[in-house]
PDB file of N, CA and C in Angstrom:
ATOM      1  N   MET A   1      27.469  24.954  29.849  1.00  0.00           N
ATOM      2  CA  MET A   1      27.710  25.283  28.466  1.00  0.00           C
ATOM      3  C   MET A   1      28.074  24.040  27.656  1.00  0.00           C
ATOM      4  N   ALA A   2      28.766  23.113  28.267  1.00  0.00           N
ATOM      5  CA  ALA A   2      29.145  21.888  27.565  1.00  0.00           C
ATOM      6  C   ALA A   2      27.907  21.060  27.243  1.00  0.00           C
ATOM      7  N   ASN A   3      26.913  21.096  28.115  1.00  0.00           N
ATOM      8  CA  ASN A   3      25.690  20.331  27.864  1.00  0.00           C
ATOM      9  C   ASN A   3      24.943  20.880  26.650  1.00  0.00           C
ATOM     10  N   LEU A   4      24.940  22.203  26.504  1.00  0.00           N
ATOM     11  CA  LEU A   4      24.275  22.817  25.360  1.00  0.00           C
ATOM     12  C   LEU A   4      24.973  22.434  24.061  1.00  0.00           C
ATOM     13  N   ALA A   5      26.287  22.412  24.081  1.00  0.00           N
ATOM     14  CA  ALA A   5      27.049  22.029  22.890  1.00  0.00           C
ATOM     15  C   ALA A   5      26.783  20.565  22.536  1.00  0.00           C
ATOM     16  N   GLN A   6      26.711  19.714  23.539  1.00  0.00           N
ATOM     17  CA  GLN A   6      26.417  18.303  23.285  1.00  0.00           C
ATOM     18  C   GLN A   6      25.004  18.129  22.735  1.00  0.00           C
ATOM     19  N   LEU A   7      24.055  18.899  23.275  1.00  0.00           N
ATOM     20  CA  LEU A   7      22.680  18.827  22.814  1.00  0.00           C
ATOM     21  C   LEU A   7      22.572  19.283  21.359  1.00  0.00           C
ATOM     22  N   LEU A   8      23.259  20.369  21.021  1.00  0.00           N
ATOM     23  CA  LEU A   8      23.241  20.845  19.641  1.00  0.00           C
ATOM     24  C   LEU A   8      23.906  19.845  18.698  1.00  0.00           C
ATOM     25  N   ALA A   9      24.985  19.221  19.140  1.00  0.00           N
ATOM     26  CA  ALA A   9      25.667  18.225  18.308  1.00  0.00           C
ATOM     27  C   ALA A   9      24.770  17.012  18.087  1.00  0.00           C
ATOM     28  N   MET A  10      24.043  16.598  19.127  1.00  0.00           N
ATOM     29  CA  MET A  10      23.134  15.453  18.996  1.00  0.00           C
ATOM     30  C   MET A  10      21.964  15.802  18.083  1.00  0.00           C
ATOM     31  N   SER A  11      21.435  17.022  18.208  1.00  0.00           N
ATOM     32  CA  SER A  11      20.303  17.391  17.365  1.00  0.00           C
ATOM     33  C   SER A  11      20.739  17.517  15.905  1.00  0.00           C
ATOM     34  N   TYR A  12      21.947  17.993  15.661  1.00  0.00           N
ATOM     35  CA  TYR A  12      22.446  18.069  14.296  1.00  0.00           C
ATOM     36  C   TYR A  12      22.632  16.665  13.712  1.00  0.00           C
ATOM     37  N   GLY A  13      23.154  15.766  14.535  1.00  0.00           N
ATOM     38  CA  GLY A  13      23.312  14.379  14.089  1.00  0.00           C
ATOM     39  C   GLY A  13      21.969  13.738  13.785  1.00  0.00           C
ATOM     40  N   LEU A  14      20.970  14.046  14.615  1.00  0.00           N
ATOM     41  CA  LEU A  14      19.625  13.529  14.382  1.00  0.00           C
ATOM     42  C   LEU A  14      19.046  14.112  13.100  1.00  0.00           C
ATOM     43  N   TYR A  15      19.283  15.410  12.869  1.00  0.00           N
ATOM     44  CA  TYR A  15      18.816  16.058  11.641  1.00  0.00           C
ATOM     45  C   TYR A  15      19.422  15.405  10.409  1.00  0.00           C
ATOM     46  N   VAL A  16      20.705  15.183  10.441  1.00  0.00           N
ATOM     47  CA  VAL A  16      21.390  14.578   9.293  1.00  0.00           C
ATOM     48  C   VAL A  16      20.874  13.157   9.066  1.00  0.00           C
ATOM     49  N   THR A  17      20.718  12.405  10.139  1.00  0.00           N
ATOM     50  CA  THR A  17      20.241  11.034  10.023  1.00  0.00           C
ATOM     51  C   THR A  17      18.833  10.985   9.446  1.00  0.00           C
ATOM     52  N   LEU A  18      17.927  11.809   9.966  1.00  0.00           N
ATOM     53  CA  LEU A  18      16.555  11.828   9.465  1.00  0.00           C
ATOM     54  C   LEU A  18      16.490  12.310   8.018  1.00  0.00           C
ATOM     55  N   SER A  19      17.336  13.268   7.678  1.00  0.00           N
ATOM     56  CA  SER A  19      17.371  13.753   6.295  1.00  0.00           C
ATOM     57  C   SER A  19      17.812  12.663   5.337  1.00  0.00           C
ATOM     58  N   ILE A  20      18.849  11.942   5.704  1.00  0.00           N
ATOM     59  CA  ILE A  20      19.355  10.868   4.851  1.00  0.00           C
ATOM     60  C   ILE A  20      18.324   9.760   4.719  1.00  0.00           C
ATOM     61  N   VAL A  21      17.658   9.416   5.824  1.00  0.00           N
ATOM     62  CA  VAL A  21      16.634   8.363   5.775  1.00  0.00           C
ATOM     63  C   VAL A  21      15.471   8.789   4.882  1.00  0.00           C
ATOM     64  N   CYS A  22      15.024  10.041   5.010  1.00  0.00           N
ATOM     65  CA  CYS A  22      13.918  10.523   4.177  1.00  0.00           C
ATOM     66  C   CYS A  22      14.284  10.507   2.695  1.00  0.00           C
ATOM     67  N   ILE A  23      15.464  10.994   2.372  1.00  0.00           N
ATOM     68  CA  ILE A  23      15.892  11.031   0.976  1.00  0.00           C
ATOM     69  C   ILE A  23      16.023   9.608   0.419  1.00  0.00           C
ATOM     70  N   ALA A  24      16.578   8.699   1.205  1.00  0.00           N
ATOM     71  CA  ALA A  24      16.730   7.318   0.743  1.00  0.00           C
ATOM     72  C   ALA A  24      15.365   6.668   0.501  1.00  0.00           C
ATOM     73  N   LEU A  25      14.417   6.895   1.401  1.00  0.00           N
ATOM     74  CA  LEU A  25      13.082   6.326   1.222  1.00  0.00           C
ATOM     75  C   LEU A  25      12.368   6.935   0.015  1.00  0.00           C
ATOM     76  N   ILE A  26      12.561   8.230  -0.205  1.00  0.00           N
ATOM     77  CA  ILE A  26      11.954   8.882  -1.376  1.00  0.00           C
ATOM     78  C   ILE A  26      12.520   8.286  -2.663  1.00  0.00           C
ATOM     79  N   VAL A  27      13.820   8.073  -2.719  1.00  0.00           N
ATOM     80  CA  VAL A  27      14.446   7.503  -3.917  1.00  0.00           C
ATOM     81  C   VAL A  27      13.966   6.068  -4.153  1.00  0.00           C
ATOM     82  N   LEU A  28      13.904   5.265  -3.085  1.00  0.00           N
ATOM     83  CA  LEU A  28      13.444   3.889  -3.229  1.00  0.00           C
ATOM     84  C   LEU A  28      11.994   3.830  -3.692  1.00  0.00           C
ATOM     85  N   CYS A  29      11.141   4.653  -3.100  1.00  0.00           N
ATOM     86  CA  CYS A  29       9.739   4.685  -3.509  1.00  0.00           C
ATOM     87  C   CYS A  29       9.600   5.171  -4.950  1.00  0.00           C
ATOM     88  N   SER A  30      10.433   6.105  -5.346  1.00  0.00           N
ATOM     89  CA  SER A  30      10.378   6.609  -6.721  1.00  0.00           C
ATOM     90  C   SER A  30      10.719   5.515  -7.719  1.00  0.00           C
ATOM     91  N   PHE A  31      11.770   4.745  -7.451  1.00  0.00           N
ATOM     92  CA  PHE A  31      12.112   3.639  -8.331  1.00  0.00           C
ATOM     93  C   PHE A  31      11.004   2.595  -8.358  1.00  0.00           C
ATOM     94  N   PHE A  32      10.397   2.339  -7.208  1.00  0.00           N
ATOM     95  CA  PHE A  32       9.301   1.382  -7.132  1.00  0.00           C
ATOM     96  C   PHE A  32       8.106   1.845  -7.956  1.00  0.00           C
ATOM     97  N   VAL A  33       7.805   3.147  -7.900  1.00  0.00           N
ATOM     98  CA  VAL A  33       6.695   3.685  -8.690  1.00  0.00           C
ATOM     99  C   VAL A  33       6.996   3.539 -10.180  1.00  0.00           C
ATOM    100  N   ILE A  34       8.218   3.805 -10.584  1.00  0.00           N
ATOM    101  CA  ILE A  34       8.589   3.665 -11.992  1.00  0.00           C
ATOM    102  C   ILE A  34       8.383   2.225 -12.454  1.00  0.00           C
ATOM    103  N   ILE A  35       8.801   1.271 -11.653  1.00  0.00           N
ATOM    104  CA  ILE A  35       8.652  -0.140 -12.011  1.00  0.00           C
ATOM    105  C   ILE A  35       7.181  -0.532 -12.081  1.00  0.00           C
ATOM    106  N   VAL A  36       6.383  -0.095 -11.101  1.00  0.00           N
ATOM    107  CA  VAL A  36       4.964  -0.452 -11.073  1.00  0.00           C
ATOM    108  C   VAL A  36       4.228   0.164 -12.259  1.00  0.00           C
ATOM    109  N   VAL A  37       4.550   1.397 -12.608  1.00  0.00           N
ATOM    110  CA  VAL A  37       3.894   2.042 -13.752  1.00  0.00           C
ATOM    111  C   VAL A  37       4.269   1.333 -15.046  1.00  0.00           C
ATOM    112  N   MET A  38       5.499   0.894 -15.163  1.00  0.00           N
ATOM    113  CA  MET A  38       5.911   0.194 -16.380  1.00  0.00           C
ATOM    114  C   MET A  38       5.248  -1.177 -16.497  1.00  0.00           C
ATOM    115  N   MET A  39       4.854  -1.768 -15.385  1.00  0.00           N
ATOM    116  CA  MET A  39       4.196  -3.070 -15.399  1.00  0.00           C
ATOM    117  C   MET A  39       2.724  -2.969 -15.786  1.00  0.00           C
ATOM    118  N   GLN A  40       2.142  -1.787 -15.703  1.00  0.00           N
ATOM    119  CA  GLN A  40       0.724  -1.629 -16.003  1.00  0.00           C
ATOM    120  C   GLN A  40       0.466  -1.751 -17.495  1.00  0.00           C
ATOM    121  N   LYS A  41      -0.717  -2.212 -17.800  1.00  0.00           N
ATOM    122  CA  LYS A  41      -1.124  -2.364 -19.186  1.00  0.00           C
ATOM    123  C   LYS A  41      -1.483  -0.993 -19.745  1.00  0.00           C
ATOM    124  N   SER A  42      -1.129  -0.761 -20.999  1.00  0.00           N
ATOM    125  CA  SER A  42      -1.452   0.530 -21.608  1.00  0.00           C
ATOM    126  C   SER A  42      -2.941   0.598 -21.911  1.00  0.00           C
ATOM    127  N   ASN A  43      -3.448   1.807 -22.085  1.00  0.00           N
ATOM    128  CA  ASN A  43      -4.871   1.998 -22.341  1.00  0.00           C
ATOM    129  C   ASN A  43      -5.244   1.800 -23.804  1.00  0.00           C
ATOM    130  N   SER A  44      -4.277   1.760 -24.702  1.00  0.00           N
ATOM    131  CA  SER A  44      -4.588   1.611 -26.124  1.00  0.00           C
ATOM    132  C   SER A  44      -4.771   0.133 -26.449  1.00  0.00           C
ATOM    133  N   ASP A  45      -5.894  -0.186 -27.075  1.00  0.00           N
ATOM    134  CA  ASP A  45      -6.194  -1.576 -27.415  1.00  0.00           C
ATOM    135  C   ASP A  45      -5.972  -1.871 -28.898  1.00  0.00           C
ATOM    136  N   GLY A  46      -5.515  -0.931 -29.680  1.00  0.00           N
ATOM    137  CA  GLY A  46      -5.344  -1.127 -31.105  1.00  0.00           C
ATOM    138  C   GLY A  46      -4.251  -2.116 -31.458  1.00  0.00           C
ATOM    139  N   ILE A  47      -3.261  -2.266 -30.633  1.00  0.00           N
ATOM    140  CA  ILE A  47      -2.128  -3.142 -30.906  1.00  0.00           C
ATOM    141  C   ILE A  47      -2.559  -4.609 -30.916  1.00  0.00           C
ATOM    142  N   SER A  48      -3.522  -4.988 -30.106  1.00  0.00           N
ATOM    143  CA  SER A  48      -3.908  -6.400 -30.036  1.00  0.00           C
ATOM    144  C   SER A  48      -4.542  -6.867 -31.342  1.00  0.00           C
ATOM    145  N   ALA A  49      -5.113  -5.968 -32.122  1.00  0.00           N
ATOM    146  CA  ALA A  49      -5.707  -6.349 -33.398  1.00  0.00           C
ATOM    147  C   ALA A  49      -4.631  -6.760 -34.401  1.00  0.00           C
ATOM    148  N   ILE A  50      -3.455  -6.206 -34.283  1.00  0.00           N
ATOM    149  CA  ILE A  50      -2.368  -6.542 -35.203  1.00  0.00           C
ATOM    150  C   ILE A  50      -1.859  -7.955 -34.935  1.00  0.00           C
ATOM    151  N   THR A  51      -1.739  -8.305 -33.675  1.00  0.00           N
ATOM    152  CA  THR A  51      -1.196  -9.618 -33.324  1.00  0.00           C
ATOM    153  C   THR A  51      -2.223 -10.719 -33.475  1.00  0.00           C
ATOM    154  N   GLY A  52      -3.503 -10.393 -33.536  1.00  0.00           N
ATOM    155  CA  GLY A  52      -4.534 -11.395 -33.715  1.00  0.00           C
ATOM    156  C   GLY A  52      -4.864 -12.156 -32.456  1.00  0.00           C
ATOM    157  N   GLN A  53      -4.539 -11.614 -31.300  1.00  0.00           N
ATOM    158  CA  GLN A  53      -4.833 -12.294 -30.045  1.00  0.00           C
ATOM    159  C   GLN A  53      -6.306 -12.141 -29.719  1.00  0.00           C
ATOM    160  N   SER A  54      -6.897 -13.227 -29.265  1.00  0.00           N
ATOM    161  CA  SER A  54      -8.285 -13.147 -28.826  1.00  0.00           C
ATOM    162  C   SER A  54      -8.311 -13.142 -27.307  1.00  0.00           C
ATOM    163  N   GLU A  55      -9.154 -12.314 -26.755  1.00  0.00           N
ATOM    164  CA  GLU A  55      -9.241 -12.214 -25.301  1.00  0.00           C
ATOM    165  C   GLU A  55     -10.425 -13.010 -24.812  1.00  0.00           C
ATOM    166  N   THR A  56     -10.184 -13.831 -23.832  1.00  0.00           N
ATOM    167  CA  THR A  56     -11.272 -14.558 -23.192  1.00  0.00           C
ATOM    168  C   THR A  56     -11.785 -13.740 -22.023  1.00  0.00           C
ATOM    169  N   PHE A  57     -12.924 -14.135 -21.502  1.00  0.00           N
ATOM    170  CA  PHE A  57     -13.507 -13.413 -20.370  1.00  0.00           C
ATOM    171  C   PHE A  57     -12.586 -13.489 -19.157  1.00  0.00           C
ATOM    172  N   TYR A  58     -12.030 -14.672 -18.919  1.00  0.00           N
ATOM    173  CA  TYR A  58     -11.150 -14.838 -17.763  1.00  0.00           C
ATOM    174  C   TYR A  58      -9.892 -13.995 -17.914  1.00  0.00           C
ATOM    175  N   GLY A  59      -9.286 -14.038 -19.075  1.00  0.00           N
ATOM    176  CA  GLY A  59      -8.059 -13.273 -19.297  1.00  0.00           C
ATOM    177  C   GLY A  59      -8.291 -11.789 -19.195  1.00  0.00           C
ATOM    178  N   LYS A  60      -9.428 -11.333 -19.697  1.00  0.00           N
ATOM    179  CA  LYS A  60      -9.739  -9.910 -19.649  1.00  0.00           C
ATOM    180  C   LYS A  60      -9.951  -9.445 -18.211  1.00  0.00           C
ATOM    181  N   ASN A  61     -10.693 -10.206 -17.425  1.00  0.00           N
ATOM    182  CA  ASN A  61     -10.947  -9.822 -16.032  1.00  0.00           C
ATOM    183  C   ASN A  61      -9.708  -9.979 -15.165  1.00  0.00           C
ATOM    184  N   LYS A  62      -8.871 -10.960 -15.481  1.00  0.00           N
ATOM    185  CA  LYS A  62      -7.642 -11.146 -14.717  1.00  0.00           C
ATOM    186  C   LYS A  62      -6.728  -9.935 -14.859  1.00  0.00           C
ATOM    187  N   SER A  63      -6.617  -9.437 -16.074  1.00  0.00           N
ATOM    188  CA  SER A  63      -5.751  -8.277 -16.288  1.00  0.00           C
ATOM    189  C   SER A  63      -6.327  -7.035 -15.626  1.00  0.00           C
ATOM    190  N   GLN A  64      -7.648  -6.929 -15.603  1.00  0.00           N
ATOM    191  CA  GLN A  64      -8.261  -5.760 -14.957  1.00  0.00           C
ATOM    192  C   GLN A  64      -8.010  -5.779 -13.461  1.00  0.00           C
ATOM    193  N   THR A  65      -8.082  -6.943 -12.840  1.00  0.00           N
ATOM    194  CA  THR A  65      -7.834  -6.980 -11.405  1.00  0.00           C
ATOM    195  C   THR A  65      -6.362  -6.694 -11.115  1.00  0.00           C
ATOM    196  N   LEU A  66      -5.469  -7.231 -11.954  1.00  0.00           N
ATOM    197  CA  LEU A  66      -4.047  -6.943 -11.767  1.00  0.00           C
ATOM    198  C   LEU A  66      -3.772  -5.465 -11.998  1.00  0.00           C
ATOM    199  N   ASP A  67      -4.366  -4.894 -13.046  1.00  0.00           N
ATOM    200  CA  ASP A  67      -4.174  -3.473 -13.315  1.00  0.00           C
ATOM    201  C   ASP A  67      -4.741  -2.609 -12.197  1.00  0.00           C
ATOM    202  N   SER A  68      -5.883  -3.007 -11.654  1.00  0.00           N
ATOM    203  CA  SER A  68      -6.451  -2.206 -10.560  1.00  0.00           C
ATOM    204  C   SER A  68      -5.565  -2.271  -9.323  1.00  0.00           C
ATOM    205  N   LYS A  69      -4.976  -3.437  -9.070  1.00  0.00           N
ATOM    206  CA  LYS A  69      -4.059  -3.548  -7.926  1.00  0.00           C
ATOM    207  C   LYS A  69      -2.806  -2.703  -8.152  1.00  0.00           C
ATOM    208  N   LEU A  70      -2.296  -2.712  -9.381  1.00  0.00           N
ATOM    209  CA  LEU A  70      -1.105  -1.916  -9.689  1.00  0.00           C
ATOM    210  C   LEU A  70      -1.401  -0.420  -9.594  1.00  0.00           C
ATOM    211  N   LYS A  71      -2.599  -0.013 -10.019  1.00  0.00           N
ATOM    212  CA  LYS A  71      -2.965   1.400  -9.920  1.00  0.00           C
ATOM    213  C   LYS A  71      -3.101   1.829  -8.462  1.00  0.00           C
ATOM    214  N   LYS A  72      -3.695   0.968  -7.629  1.00  0.00           N
ATOM    215  CA  LYS A  72      -3.802   1.280  -6.197  1.00  0.00           C
ATOM    216  C   LYS A  72      -2.421   1.362  -5.563  1.00  0.00           C
ATOM    217  N   LEU A  73      -1.539   0.441  -5.945  1.00  0.00           N
ATOM    218  CA  LEU A  73      -0.174   0.451  -5.420  1.00  0.00           C
ATOM    219  C   LEU A  73       0.569   1.713  -5.844  1.00  0.00           C
ATOM    220  N   THR A  74       0.325   2.170  -7.061  1.00  0.00           N
ATOM    221  CA  THR A  74       0.933   3.411  -7.544  1.00  0.00           C
ATOM    222  C   THR A  74       0.475   4.598  -6.715  1.00  0.00           C
ATOM    223  N   VAL A  75      -0.827   4.677  -6.455  1.00  0.00           N
ATOM    224  CA  VAL A  75      -1.361   5.796  -5.674  1.00  0.00           C
ATOM    225  C   VAL A  75      -0.816   5.763  -4.250  1.00  0.00           C
ATOM    226  N   ILE A  76      -0.752   4.585  -3.651  1.00  0.00           N
ATOM    227  CA  ILE A  76      -0.227   4.468  -2.286  1.00  0.00           C
ATOM    228  C   ILE A  76       1.226   4.917  -2.227  1.00  0.00           C
ATOM    229  N   CYS A  77       2.032   4.481  -3.192  1.00  0.00           N
ATOM    230  CA  CYS A  77       3.451   4.872  -3.203  1.00  0.00           C
ATOM    231  C   CYS A  77       3.615   6.372  -3.424  1.00  0.00           C
ATOM    232  N   LEU A  78       2.773   6.956  -4.275  1.00  0.00           N
ATOM    233  CA  LEU A  78       2.873   8.398  -4.498  1.00  0.00           C
ATOM    234  C   LEU A  78       2.453   9.188  -3.259  1.00  0.00           C
ATOM    235  N   VAL A  79       1.479   8.684  -2.512  1.00  0.00           N
ATOM    236  CA  VAL A  79       1.098   9.334  -1.255  1.00  0.00           C
ATOM    237  C   VAL A  79       2.242   9.238  -0.246  1.00  0.00           C
ATOM    238  N   ILE A  80       2.897   8.085  -0.199  1.00  0.00           N
ATOM    239  CA  ILE A  80       4.046   7.922   0.708  1.00  0.00           C
ATOM    240  C   ILE A  80       5.156   8.899   0.330  1.00  0.00           C
ATOM    241  N   ILE A  81       5.417   9.058  -0.962  1.00  0.00           N
ATOM    242  CA  ILE A  81       6.442  10.000  -1.410  1.00  0.00           C
ATOM    243  C   ILE A  81       6.070  11.425  -1.001  1.00  0.00           C
ATOM    244  N   ALA A  82       4.802  11.789  -1.167  1.00  0.00           N
ATOM    245  CA  ALA A  82       4.362  13.139  -0.792  1.00  0.00           C
ATOM    246  C   ALA A  82       4.530  13.376   0.703  1.00  0.00           C
ATOM    247  N   VAL A  83       4.168  12.394   1.510  1.00  0.00           N
ATOM    248  CA  VAL A  83       4.307  12.536   2.967  1.00  0.00           C
ATOM    249  C   VAL A  83       5.782  12.649   3.354  1.00  0.00           C
ATOM    250  N   LEU A  84       6.626  11.836   2.741  1.00  0.00           N
ATOM    251  CA  LEU A  84       8.058  11.906   3.041  1.00  0.00           C
ATOM    252  C   LEU A  84       8.654  13.253   2.628  1.00  0.00           C
ATOM    253  N   CYS A  85       8.198  13.817   1.524  1.00  0.00           N
ATOM    254  CA  CYS A  85       8.677  15.140   1.111  1.00  0.00           C
ATOM    255  C   CYS A  85       8.258  16.211   2.114  1.00  0.00           C
ATOM    256  N   ILE A  86       7.037  16.110   2.614  1.00  0.00           N
ATOM    257  CA  ILE A  86       6.576  17.068   3.628  1.00  0.00           C
ATOM    258  C   ILE A  86       7.377  16.910   4.912  1.00  0.00           C
ATOM    259  N   VAL A  87       7.635  15.674   5.316  1.00  0.00           N
ATOM    260  CA  VAL A  87       8.443  15.432   6.531  1.00  0.00           C
ATOM    261  C   VAL A  87       9.844  15.987   6.350  1.00  0.00           C
ATOM    262  N   TYR A  88      10.421  15.783   5.174  1.00  0.00           N
ATOM    263  CA  TYR A  88      11.767  16.309   4.906  1.00  0.00           C
ATOM    264  C   TYR A  88      11.786  17.839   4.976  1.00  0.00           C
ATOM    265  N   PHE A  89      10.741  18.460   4.449  1.00  0.00           N
ATOM    266  CA  PHE A  89      10.647  19.922   4.507  1.00  0.00           C
ATOM    267  C   PHE A  89      10.514  20.411   5.946  1.00  0.00           C
ATOM    268  N   VAL A  90       9.699  19.744   6.742  1.00  0.00           N
ATOM    269  CA  VAL A  90       9.505  20.132   8.148  1.00  0.00           C
ATOM    270  C   VAL A  90      10.792  19.957   8.937  1.00  0.00           C
ATOM    271  N   ILE A  91      11.512  18.869   8.655  1.00  0.00           N
ATOM    272  CA  ILE A  91      12.804  18.660   9.328  1.00  0.00           C
ATOM    273  C   ILE A  91      13.759  19.804   9.002  1.00  0.00           C
ATOM    274  N   GLY A  92      13.754  20.244   7.752  1.00  0.00           N
ATOM    275  CA  GLY A  92      14.601  21.376   7.360  1.00  0.00           C
ATOM    276  C   GLY A  92      14.197  22.666   8.051  1.00  0.00           C
ATOM    277  N   LEU A  93      12.888  22.857   8.253  1.00  0.00           N
ATOM    278  CA  LEU A  93      12.423  24.048   8.969  1.00  0.00           C
ATOM    279  C   LEU A  93      12.812  24.012  10.446  1.00  0.00           C
ATOM    280  N   LEU A  94      12.733  22.840  11.036  1.00  0.00           N
ATOM    281  CA  LEU A  94      13.071  22.709  12.459  1.00  0.00           C
ATOM    282  C   LEU A  94      14.549  22.889  12.718  1.00  0.00           C
ATOM    283  N   LYS A  95      15.372  22.544  11.720  1.00  0.00           N
ATOM    284  CA  LYS A  95      16.823  22.728  11.866  1.00  0.00           C
ATOM    285  C   LYS A  95      17.122  24.210  12.018  1.00  0.00           C
ATOM    286  N   GLY A  96      16.392  25.008  11.239  1.00  0.00           N
ATOM    287  CA  GLY A  96      16.388  26.417  11.342  1.00  0.00           C
ATOM    288  C   GLY A  96      17.556  27.198  11.141  1.00  0.00           C
TER     289      GLY A  96
END
């Protein structure tokens, strides 16, 4: 009977640890997504006409490659968040 109690105590400790790790990773990824989205260039081009900036071919393509990398990074982070949420839900189901 003592072994069963120890096993249940260890599994509860493992549940708490995994839950805390999942929640911490979800929060960190969420902040990272917020930062990456804020770094992306907006889709409206009307503002550049006010400032009188001229875009060169190099500058235009450079921003597109940076924006495409930021968009890919956003999608990857959101997929990681979704997977972590599913893992957290499954851990809660297994705790039962």
